[in-house]
């Protein structure tokens, strides 16, 4: 993937007004993940986690889908809508989980485990999806795995921490691809314990992409949407949040009277609790991709057809 070249934005351009104008002219829907910058979340038609955004992408009547997220998300939207234009503000907005599961290596991994069905987390490439029997998100992983008989051997990819949490929760013994999210892997158990000491009344909400050493201290483990729901329903007035910090924007809007405490990464010299790929998208890039209708997501039709089947199985089970 390479940088898309755009003509500069004219001085004095009201970017938000232009995005709204283009949205109407193009009959476009703007989908944004919870980890996007606040100004992108605020202008989006739909803000959600991977499951909700996949469902909206499958249902939309819009002619153009503008996906403010990362590449695998926009690619999934294209697979679900092969005849619609799908735009991504920055084509280089990738994912360490998707990048860490090269298709050729994954194919060999599968061949080493004959008789296993393959469940792949949605944070993967179209090629990995096409080799899978079922796709899942963090929001429905338990339900998807439970849909397979207890004696059915399973491979779970590409996140070993999510897979390990599912194994422990359900008492399964899935074979795990050794991948991880570079953001969630950096959360420090030491820093979390220190925060629990400072805020003894706080509840801890963590994403299952975190290592087990972190999850063992959580009062709630779940997807971004699940964490948001927990924040609204818990009586606790202080919540320690162990996931990408972009979620704090929606969480604070929904819980103005509660104190939200993000857990830093192990390295305090960097913004390690922020996904560098999610943050590659900006309001300016969102406008430019709509103005110029590029970068556009393109997926080989044969590959898309193979990847669509396990995605649809997931969506059918999630209704």
Protein backbone atom coordinates (compact mmCIF):
# COMPACT_ATOMS: atom_id res chain seq x y z
CA UNK A 1 0.00 0.00 0.00
CA UNK A 2 1.22 3.47 -0.81
CA UNK A 3 0.20 7.02 -0.03
CA UNK A 4 -2.60 8.46 -2.12
CA UNK A 5 -1.74 11.82 -3.69
CA UNK A 6 -4.40 14.51 -3.35
CA UNK A 7 -4.51 18.11 -4.49
CA UNK A 8 -4.28 20.44 -1.47
CA UNK A 9 -7.36 21.61 0.37
CA UNK A 10 -8.24 25.15 -0.66
CA UNK A 11 -7.60 27.75 2.06
CA UNK A 12 -10.73 28.66 3.99
CA UNK A 13 -12.51 25.39 3.20
CA UNK A 14 -15.13 24.47 5.79
CA UNK A 15 -14.20 20.80 5.97
CA UNK A 16 -17.17 19.70 8.06
CA UNK A 17 -19.63 21.50 5.78
CA UNK A 18 -17.97 19.95 2.73
CA UNK A 19 -18.11 16.46 4.23
CA UNK A 20 -21.82 16.94 4.91
CA UNK A 21 -22.40 18.24 1.38
CA UNK A 22 -20.51 15.36 -0.22
CA UNK A 23 -22.30 12.83 1.99
CA UNK A 24 -25.61 13.99 0.51
CA UNK A 25 -24.39 14.29 -3.10
CA UNK A 26 -22.70 10.87 -3.07
CA UNK A 27 -25.45 9.11 -1.09
CA UNK A 28 -22.67 8.04 1.26
CA UNK A 29 -22.66 6.59 4.75
CA UNK A 30 -19.73 7.30 7.06
CA UNK A 31 -18.88 4.43 9.41
CA UNK A 32 -16.40 5.08 12.22
CA UNK A 33 -14.84 2.81 14.81
CA UNK A 34 -14.77 3.78 18.49
CA UNK A 35 -10.98 4.14 18.25
CA UNK A 36 -11.14 7.00 15.72
CA UNK A 37 -10.37 10.61 16.64
CA UNK A 38 -13.30 12.36 18.41
CA UNK A 39 -14.02 14.75 15.53
CA UNK A 40 -14.41 11.78 13.15
CA UNK A 41 -16.70 9.96 15.58
CA UNK A 42 -18.83 13.09 15.90
CA UNK A 43 -19.38 13.47 12.15
CA UNK A 44 -19.98 9.79 11.40
CA UNK A 45 -23.41 8.33 10.66
CA UNK A 46 -22.59 5.23 12.68
CA UNK A 47 -19.99 4.75 15.42
CA UNK A 48 -19.47 1.20 16.61
CA UNK A 49 -17.30 -1.83 17.18
CA UNK A 50 -16.33 -4.31 14.46
CA UNK A 51 -19.54 -6.33 14.78
CA UNK A 52 -21.90 -3.36 14.67
CA UNK A 53 -20.04 -1.79 11.76
CA UNK A 54 -20.06 -5.07 9.82
CA UNK A 55 -23.79 -5.37 10.39
CA UNK A 56 -24.40 -1.79 9.22
CA UNK A 57 -22.18 -2.30 6.20
CA UNK A 58 -24.22 -5.37 5.27
CA UNK A 59 -27.52 -3.49 5.65
CA UNK A 60 -26.80 -0.05 4.22
CA UNK A 61 -28.71 1.39 1.28
CA UNK A 62 -25.99 3.97 0.66
CA UNK A 63 -24.20 3.91 -2.68
CA UNK A 64 -20.82 4.77 -1.13
CA UNK A 65 -19.37 3.49 2.15
CA UNK A 66 -16.73 5.72 3.73
CA UNK A 67 -15.00 3.65 6.38
CA UNK A 68 -13.15 5.59 9.05
CA UNK A 69 -11.28 2.66 10.51
CA UNK A 70 -8.50 0.37 9.37
CA UNK A 71 -7.95 -1.59 6.18
CA UNK A 72 -9.45 -4.93 7.20
CA UNK A 73 -12.68 -3.18 8.22
CA UNK A 74 -13.08 -1.41 4.89
CA UNK A 75 -12.12 -4.63 3.11
CA UNK A 76 -14.87 -6.48 4.98
CA UNK A 77 -17.36 -3.79 3.95
CA UNK A 78 -16.30 -4.24 0.32
CA UNK A 79 -16.70 -8.02 0.56
CA UNK A 80 -20.22 -7.47 1.87
CA UNK A 81 -20.94 -4.86 -0.82
CA UNK A 82 -19.06 -5.89 -3.97
CA UNK A 83 -21.00 -3.50 -6.20
CA UNK A 84 -20.62 -0.43 -3.99
CA UNK A 85 -17.71 1.95 -3.72
CA UNK A 86 -15.85 1.66 -0.41
CA UNK A 87 -13.43 4.44 0.56
CA UNK A 88 -10.78 4.48 3.29
CA UNK A 89 -9.26 7.84 4.32
CA UNK A 90 -5.74 6.40 4.58
CA UNK A 91 -4.88 3.21 2.70
CA UNK A 92 -1.94 2.58 5.01
CA UNK A 93 -4.18 2.32 8.09
CA UNK A 94 -3.45 -1.34 8.75
CA UNK A 95 -3.54 -3.67 11.75
CA UNK A 96 -0.80 -5.57 13.55
CA UNK A 97 -3.10 -8.59 13.91
CA UNK A 98 -3.86 -8.74 10.19
CA UNK A 99 -0.22 -8.11 9.26
CA UNK A 100 0.94 -10.78 11.71
CA UNK A 101 -0.98 -13.57 9.99
CA UNK A 102 0.54 -13.92 6.49
CA UNK A 103 -1.77 -16.06 4.30
CA UNK A 104 0.93 -18.50 3.15
CA UNK A 105 2.06 -19.16 6.71
CA UNK A 106 -1.51 -19.49 7.93
CA UNK A 107 -2.32 -21.97 5.16
CA UNK A 108 0.63 -24.11 6.28
CA UNK A 109 -0.49 -23.77 9.92
CA UNK A 110 -3.94 -25.08 9.00
CA UNK A 111 -2.43 -28.01 7.11
CA UNK A 112 -0.57 -29.02 10.29
CA UNK A 113 -3.90 -29.48 12.10
CA UNK A 114 -6.10 -31.76 9.94
CA UNK A 115 -9.71 -32.12 11.02
CA UNK A 116 -9.79 -28.69 12.65
CA UNK A 117 -12.37 -26.07 11.78
CA UNK A 118 -11.02 -22.53 11.51
CA UNK A 119 -12.44 -19.52 13.36
CA UNK A 120 -10.79 -16.23 12.47
CA UNK A 121 -11.17 -12.97 14.34
CA UNK A 122 -12.41 -10.28 11.97
CA UNK A 123 -9.08 -8.44 12.45
CA UNK A 124 -7.50 -10.31 9.55
CA UNK A 125 -7.04 -10.07 5.80
CA UNK A 126 -9.50 -11.25 3.16
CA UNK A 127 -7.10 -14.11 2.39
CA UNK A 128 -7.25 -15.33 5.99
CA UNK A 129 -11.03 -14.98 6.04
CA UNK A 130 -11.26 -17.04 2.86
CA UNK A 131 -9.46 -19.92 4.61
CA UNK A 132 -11.85 -19.81 7.57
CA UNK A 133 -15.04 -21.66 8.41
CA UNK A 134 -16.37 -18.82 10.54
CA UNK A 135 -15.47 -15.23 11.38
CA UNK A 136 -15.98 -13.70 14.82
CA UNK A 137 -15.55 -10.40 16.58
CA UNK A 138 -14.64 -9.79 20.21
CA UNK A 139 -18.33 -9.08 20.77
CA UNK A 140 -19.54 -12.49 19.59
CA UNK A 141 -16.48 -14.73 19.94
CA UNK A 142 -17.99 -16.77 22.78
CA UNK A 143 -21.21 -17.32 20.87
CA UNK A 144 -19.41 -18.27 17.66
CA UNK A 145 -17.15 -20.80 19.38
CA UNK A 146 -20.11 -22.26 21.29
CA UNK A 147 -21.86 -22.88 17.97
CA UNK A 148 -19.33 -25.67 17.26
CA UNK A 149 -19.73 -29.05 19.00
CA UNK A 150 -17.57 -29.46 22.10
CA UNK A 151 -15.67 -32.32 20.46
CA UNK A 152 -14.92 -30.37 17.26
CA UNK A 153 -11.20 -29.44 17.13
CA UNK A 154 -10.79 -25.74 16.39
CA UNK A 155 -8.10 -23.34 15.22
CA UNK A 156 -8.46 -19.74 16.39
CA UNK A 157 -6.59 -16.90 14.68
CA UNK A 158 -5.00 -14.43 14.71
CA UNK A 159 -5.23 -13.12 18.33
CA UNK A 160 -3.86 -15.55 20.89
CA UNK A 161 -5.08 -13.48 23.84
CA UNK A 162 -8.68 -13.32 22.65
CA UNK A 163 -8.48 -17.02 21.83
CA UNK A 164 -6.97 -17.78 25.23
CA UNK A 165 -9.74 -15.85 27.00
CA UNK A 166 -12.36 -17.79 25.03
CA UNK A 167 -10.62 -21.09 25.85
CA UNK A 168 -10.59 -20.26 29.55
CA UNK A 169 -14.17 -18.96 29.62
CA UNK A 170 -15.67 -21.90 27.75
CA UNK A 171 -13.28 -24.64 28.78
CA UNK A 172 -12.20 -25.21 25.16
CA UNK A 173 -8.80 -26.21 23.87
CA UNK A 174 -8.56 -24.35 20.58
CA UNK A 175 -5.23 -24.25 18.77
CA UNK A 176 -4.14 -20.61 18.77
CA UNK A 177 -2.26 -18.74 16.07
CA UNK A 178 0.46 -16.76 17.91
CA UNK A 179 -0.68 -13.24 16.98
CA UNK A 180 -1.46 -10.19 19.10
CA UNK A 181 -2.59 -6.57 18.95
CA UNK A 182 0.40 -4.30 19.44
CA UNK A 183 -1.71 -1.87 21.48
CA UNK A 184 -3.46 -4.26 23.86
CA UNK A 185 -0.31 -6.31 24.36
CA UNK A 186 1.50 -3.29 25.81
CA UNK A 187 -0.91 -2.68 28.69
CA UNK A 188 1.01 -3.06 31.90
CA UNK A 189 -0.24 -5.27 34.74
CA UNK A 190 1.99 -3.27 37.09
CA UNK A 191 0.42 0.06 36.04
CA UNK A 192 -3.07 -1.42 36.31
CA UNK A 193 -2.44 -2.70 39.85
CA UNK A 194 -1.02 0.69 40.82
CA UNK A 195 -4.19 2.39 39.55
CA UNK A 196 -6.37 -0.06 41.49
CA UNK A 197 -4.51 0.94 44.64
CA UNK A 198 -4.96 4.66 43.89
CA UNK A 199 -8.65 4.18 42.99
CA UNK A 200 -9.86 1.38 45.29
CA UNK A 201 -13.54 1.97 44.47
CA UNK A 202 -12.99 1.83 40.70
CA UNK A 203 -14.20 -1.00 38.47
CA UNK A 204 -11.89 -2.32 35.75
CA UNK A 205 -13.18 -2.85 32.19
CA UNK A 206 -10.76 -4.59 29.79
CA UNK A 207 -10.75 -5.77 26.20
CA UNK A 208 -10.09 -9.52 25.68
CA UNK A 209 -7.18 -8.72 23.35
CA UNK A 210 -5.23 -7.93 26.53
CA UNK A 211 -2.87 -10.56 28.03
CA UNK A 212 -4.27 -12.87 30.73
CA UNK A 213 -2.05 -11.16 33.32
CA UNK A 214 -4.12 -8.00 32.76
CA UNK A 215 -7.52 -9.64 32.33
CA UNK A 216 -7.26 -11.39 35.70
CA UNK A 217 -7.67 -7.99 37.39
CA UNK A 218 -10.77 -6.98 35.39
CA UNK A 219 -14.31 -6.71 36.72
CA UNK A 220 -15.61 -6.81 33.15
CA UNK A 221 -14.05 -8.24 29.98
CA UNK A 222 -15.65 -7.50 26.63
CA UNK A 223 -15.62 -5.77 23.26
CA UNK A 224 -15.62 -2.00 22.94
CA UNK A 225 -19.42 -1.98 22.71
CA UNK A 226 -19.61 -4.25 25.75
CA UNK A 227 -17.26 -1.99 27.72
CA UNK A 228 -19.41 1.03 26.83
CA UNK A 229 -22.52 -0.77 28.03
CA UNK A 230 -20.76 -1.78 31.25
CA UNK A 231 -19.79 1.84 31.88
CA UNK A 232 -23.45 2.87 31.60
CA UNK A 233 -24.82 0.11 33.82
CA UNK A 234 -22.24 -0.13 36.61
CA UNK A 235 -22.89 1.77 39.82
CA UNK A 236 -19.19 2.57 40.07
CA UNK A 237 -18.37 6.25 39.56
CA UNK A 238 -14.77 5.50 38.60
CA UNK A 239 -13.87 3.13 35.76
CA UNK A 240 -10.37 2.02 34.88
CA UNK A 241 -10.37 1.44 31.12
CA UNK A 242 -8.03 -1.09 29.53
CA UNK A 243 -8.43 -0.67 25.79
CA UNK A 244 -7.51 1.84 23.09
CA UNK A 245 -8.05 5.34 24.43
CA UNK A 246 -10.32 6.41 21.55
CA UNK A 247 -13.22 4.74 23.35
CA UNK A 248 -13.06 7.39 26.09
CA UNK A 249 -14.77 9.95 23.84
CA UNK A 250 -18.05 8.05 23.53
CA UNK A 251 -17.78 6.73 27.07
CA UNK A 252 -17.49 10.22 28.56
CA UNK A 253 -20.37 11.51 26.43
CA UNK A 254 -22.57 8.70 27.73
CA UNK A 255 -21.33 8.96 31.33
CA UNK A 256 -20.65 12.65 32.02
CA UNK A 257 -20.67 12.18 35.78
CA UNK A 258 -18.20 9.30 35.91
CA UNK A 259 -14.42 9.45 36.08
CA UNK A 260 -12.68 7.43 33.39
CA UNK A 261 -9.11 6.35 34.05
CA UNK A 262 -7.10 5.03 31.08
CA UNK A 263 -4.33 2.54 31.76
CA UNK A 264 -1.01 3.57 30.19
CA UNK A 265 1.25 1.21 28.30
CA UNK A 266 4.37 -0.17 29.89
CA UNK A 267 6.42 2.55 28.18
CA UNK A 268 5.31 5.94 29.49
CA UNK A 269 7.42 7.78 26.89
CA UNK A 270 4.95 6.87 24.12
CA UNK A 271 1.20 6.93 23.51
CA UNK A 272 1.21 3.14 23.56
CA UNK A 273 -2.48 2.93 24.48
CA UNK A 274 -3.35 4.53 21.12
CA UNK A 275 -3.55 2.53 17.90
CA UNK A 276 -1.17 4.23 15.46
CA UNK A 277 -3.14 2.85 12.52
CA UNK A 278 -6.53 4.09 13.70
CA UNK A 279 -5.03 7.51 14.31
CA UNK A 280 -3.72 7.73 10.72
CA UNK A 281 -7.21 8.83 9.67
CA UNK A 282 -7.91 12.53 10.11
CA UNK A 283 -10.84 14.79 9.34
CA UNK A 284 -8.83 16.25 6.44
CA UNK A 285 -8.16 12.80 4.97
CA UNK A 286 -11.82 11.91 5.40
CA UNK A 287 -12.79 14.96 3.37
CA UNK A 288 -10.17 14.32 0.70
CA UNK A 289 -11.14 10.69 0.18
CA UNK A 290 -14.75 11.78 -0.34
CA UNK A 291 -13.83 14.73 -2.56
CA UNK A 292 -11.53 12.66 -4.79
CA UNK A 293 -13.22 9.27 -4.28
CA UNK A 294 -9.92 7.67 -3.45
CA UNK A 295 -8.34 5.61 -1.87
CA UNK A 296 -10.88 3.01 -2.95
CA UNK A 297 -10.87 -0.53 -1.58
CA UNK A 298 -10.66 -3.22 -4.26
CA UNK A 299 -10.96 -6.94 -3.55
CA UNK A 300 -10.55 -9.71 -6.12
CA UNK A 301 -14.09 -11.04 -6.81
CA UNK A 302 -13.13 -14.72 -6.42
CA UNK A 303 -11.36 -14.03 -3.13
CA UNK A 304 -14.27 -11.88 -1.95
CA UNK A 305 -16.75 -14.69 -2.67
CA UNK A 306 -14.70 -17.16 -0.60
CA UNK A 307 -14.35 -14.69 2.29
CA UNK A 308 -18.04 -13.75 2.19
CA UNK A 309 -19.30 -17.19 3.24
CA UNK A 310 -17.71 -17.27 6.74
CA UNK A 311 -18.62 -13.60 7.28
CA UNK A 312 -22.26 -14.32 6.46
CA UNK A 313 -22.25 -17.31 8.81
CA UNK A 314 -21.12 -14.97 11.58
CA UNK A 315 -23.78 -12.37 10.74
CA UNK A 316 -26.50 -15.04 10.64
CA UNK A 317 -25.50 -16.26 14.12
CA UNK A 318 -25.35 -12.69 15.44
CA UNK A 319 -28.88 -11.66 14.50
